[in-house]
Amino acid sequence: MADHIERGLRAVAGTDRLHLVEQDTSVAPGVQVLMAPGHTPGHLVLALESGAERTLLLGDAITCPVQLEEPGWHSMGDVDPELAARTRERLWRELADGHTSGVGAHFPELRPGRVASLPERRWDHS
């Protein structure tokens, strides 16, 4: 862990400003954090929900849309490539529910997309 990150975490440890999570957790109405390990330990995805619509902010769990179609394509930064692939599979299933869109931190133009077809894998960001 980078020194500045560790110092920041230690500054809020033991206060009500920091709550460690070990499982998918609701943090506010319509806001949930989903465990998404593999790219980095403790990596989380943010799920935002309003009515019937849901959006996943994928962070670095999926670094480019092609990883949704090819979950075995690893990122150079994946600390645990096999766990990262399982996480991408889980996220694909979440995105395939018909009312969830997603966007990754490194997606082109930060454009959200949806699963466009099943059973073949196709990501639609138009």
Protein backbone atom coordinates (compact mmCIF):
# COMPACT_ATOMS: atom_id res chain seq x y z
CA MET A 1 0.00 0.00 0.00
CA ALA A 2 1.31 3.45 -0.87
CA ASP A 3 2.44 5.45 2.16
CA HIS A 4 0.01 8.32 1.59
CA ILE A 5 -2.93 5.91 1.38
CA GLU A 6 -1.89 4.10 4.54
CA ARG A 7 -1.48 7.41 6.40
CA GLY A 8 -4.94 8.52 5.26
CA LEU A 9 -6.55 5.26 6.40
CA ARG A 10 -4.78 5.36 9.74
CA ALA A 11 -6.01 8.95 10.27
CA VAL A 12 -9.66 7.84 10.07
CA ALA A 13 -9.28 4.39 11.68
CA GLY A 14 -11.46 4.08 14.76
CA THR A 15 -13.70 6.95 13.69
CA ASP A 16 -17.17 6.83 12.20
CA ARG A 17 -15.69 7.99 8.87
CA LEU A 18 -14.34 4.56 7.94
CA HIS A 19 -16.35 1.35 7.75
CA LEU A 20 -14.58 -1.74 6.45
CA VAL A 21 -16.73 -4.18 4.48
CA GLU A 22 -16.19 -7.86 3.78
CA GLN A 23 -19.30 -8.59 1.72
CA ASP A 24 -21.70 -6.85 -0.63
CA THR A 25 -23.17 -4.04 1.46
CA SER A 26 -25.79 -1.32 1.13
CA VAL A 27 -24.19 1.98 2.13
CA ALA A 28 -27.13 4.32 1.47
CA PRO A 29 -30.56 4.10 -0.14
CA GLY A 30 -29.94 3.09 -3.76
CA VAL A 31 -26.17 2.69 -3.26
CA GLN A 32 -24.46 -0.65 -2.76
CA VAL A 33 -20.83 -1.76 -2.82
CA LEU A 34 -20.14 -5.13 -4.43
CA MET A 35 -17.01 -7.11 -3.67
CA ALA A 36 -14.93 -7.34 -6.86
CA PRO A 37 -11.56 -8.87 -5.96
CA GLY A 38 -8.88 -10.04 -8.35
CA HIS A 39 -7.62 -6.88 -9.99
CA THR A 40 -6.52 -5.66 -6.57
CA PRO A 41 -7.28 -6.93 -3.08
CA GLY A 42 -10.37 -5.27 -1.66
CA HIS A 43 -11.51 -3.87 -5.00
CA LEU A 44 -15.16 -2.78 -4.99
CA VAL A 45 -17.80 -2.00 -7.61
CA LEU A 46 -20.39 0.65 -6.87
CA ALA A 47 -24.01 -0.15 -7.78
CA LEU A 48 -26.43 2.75 -8.10
CA GLU A 49 -30.16 2.01 -8.27
CA SER A 50 -33.14 4.20 -9.05
CA GLY A 51 -36.52 2.62 -9.65
CA ALA A 52 -36.06 -0.36 -11.93
CA GLU A 53 -32.76 0.90 -13.38
CA ARG A 54 -29.33 0.05 -12.04
CA THR A 55 -25.81 1.14 -13.04
CA LEU A 56 -22.55 -0.52 -12.04
CA LEU A 57 -19.47 1.66 -11.75
CA LEU A 58 -16.97 -1.09 -12.52
CA GLY A 59 -13.77 0.69 -11.57
CA ASP A 60 -10.81 -1.46 -12.59
CA ALA A 61 -12.61 -4.80 -12.23
CA ILE A 62 -13.12 -4.61 -16.00
CA THR A 63 -10.57 -2.37 -17.65
CA CYS A 64 -12.03 -2.43 -21.16
CA PRO A 65 -15.38 -3.56 -22.62
CA VAL A 66 -13.81 -6.50 -24.48
CA GLN A 67 -13.15 -8.15 -21.11
CA LEU A 68 -16.92 -8.50 -20.73
CA GLU A 69 -17.03 -10.50 -23.95
CA GLU A 70 -13.76 -12.29 -23.16
CA PRO A 71 -13.53 -12.59 -19.35
CA GLY A 72 -10.33 -14.64 -19.61
CA TRP A 73 -8.46 -11.69 -21.12
CA HIS A 74 -6.52 -10.42 -18.16
CA SER A 75 -5.32 -6.95 -17.35
CA MET A 76 -1.60 -6.58 -16.72
CA GLY A 77 -2.56 -5.11 -13.35
CA ASP A 78 -4.61 -8.12 -12.17
CA VAL A 79 -3.01 -9.26 -8.93
CA ASP A 80 -4.93 -12.56 -9.06
CA PRO A 81 -5.90 -13.21 -12.72
CA GLU A 82 -8.09 -16.26 -12.02
CA LEU A 83 -10.04 -14.48 -9.28
CA ALA A 84 -10.36 -11.43 -11.54
CA ALA A 85 -11.84 -13.65 -14.29
CA ARG A 86 -14.40 -15.07 -11.82
CA THR A 87 -15.28 -11.53 -10.74
CA ARG A 88 -15.79 -10.51 -14.39
CA GLU A 89 -18.06 -13.53 -14.88
CA ARG A 90 -20.14 -12.46 -11.87
CA LEU A 91 -20.35 -8.90 -13.17
CA TRP A 92 -21.40 -10.18 -16.61
CA ARG A 93 -24.29 -12.02 -14.97
CA GLU A 94 -25.25 -8.87 -13.04
CA LEU A 95 -25.17 -6.86 -16.28
CA ALA A 96 -27.24 -9.49 -18.11
CA ASP A 97 -30.32 -9.02 -15.91
CA GLY A 98 -32.03 -6.70 -18.41
CA HIS A 99 -32.10 -3.56 -16.27
CA THR A 100 -28.43 -2.98 -15.42
CA SER A 101 -25.93 -0.89 -17.35
CA GLY A 102 -22.26 -0.46 -16.51
CA VAL A 103 -19.20 1.65 -17.15
CA GLY A 104 -15.55 1.09 -16.30
CA ALA A 105 -13.00 3.65 -15.20
CA HIS A 106 -11.00 3.12 -18.41
CA PHE A 107 -13.81 2.55 -20.93
CA PRO A 108 -13.56 4.69 -24.08
CA GLU A 109 -15.17 8.06 -23.43
CA LEU A 110 -16.53 6.59 -20.18
CA ARG A 111 -19.60 5.48 -22.13
CA PRO A 112 -21.92 3.09 -20.28
CA GLY A 113 -23.21 -0.01 -21.98
CA ARG A 114 -25.43 -3.03 -21.55
CA VAL A 115 -25.35 -6.72 -22.32
CA ALA A 116 -26.91 -6.82 -25.78
CA SER A 117 -27.39 -10.53 -26.40
CA LEU A 118 -27.33 -13.89 -24.70
CA PRO A 119 -26.17 -16.65 -24.75
CA GLU A 120 -23.32 -15.28 -26.90
CA ARG A 121 -21.48 -12.45 -25.27
CA ARG A 122 -22.02 -9.04 -26.80
CA TRP A 123 -21.58 -5.64 -25.16
CA ASP A 124 -23.52 -2.71 -26.57
CA HIS A 125 -22.39 0.82 -25.73
CA SER A 126 -24.26 2.75 -28.41
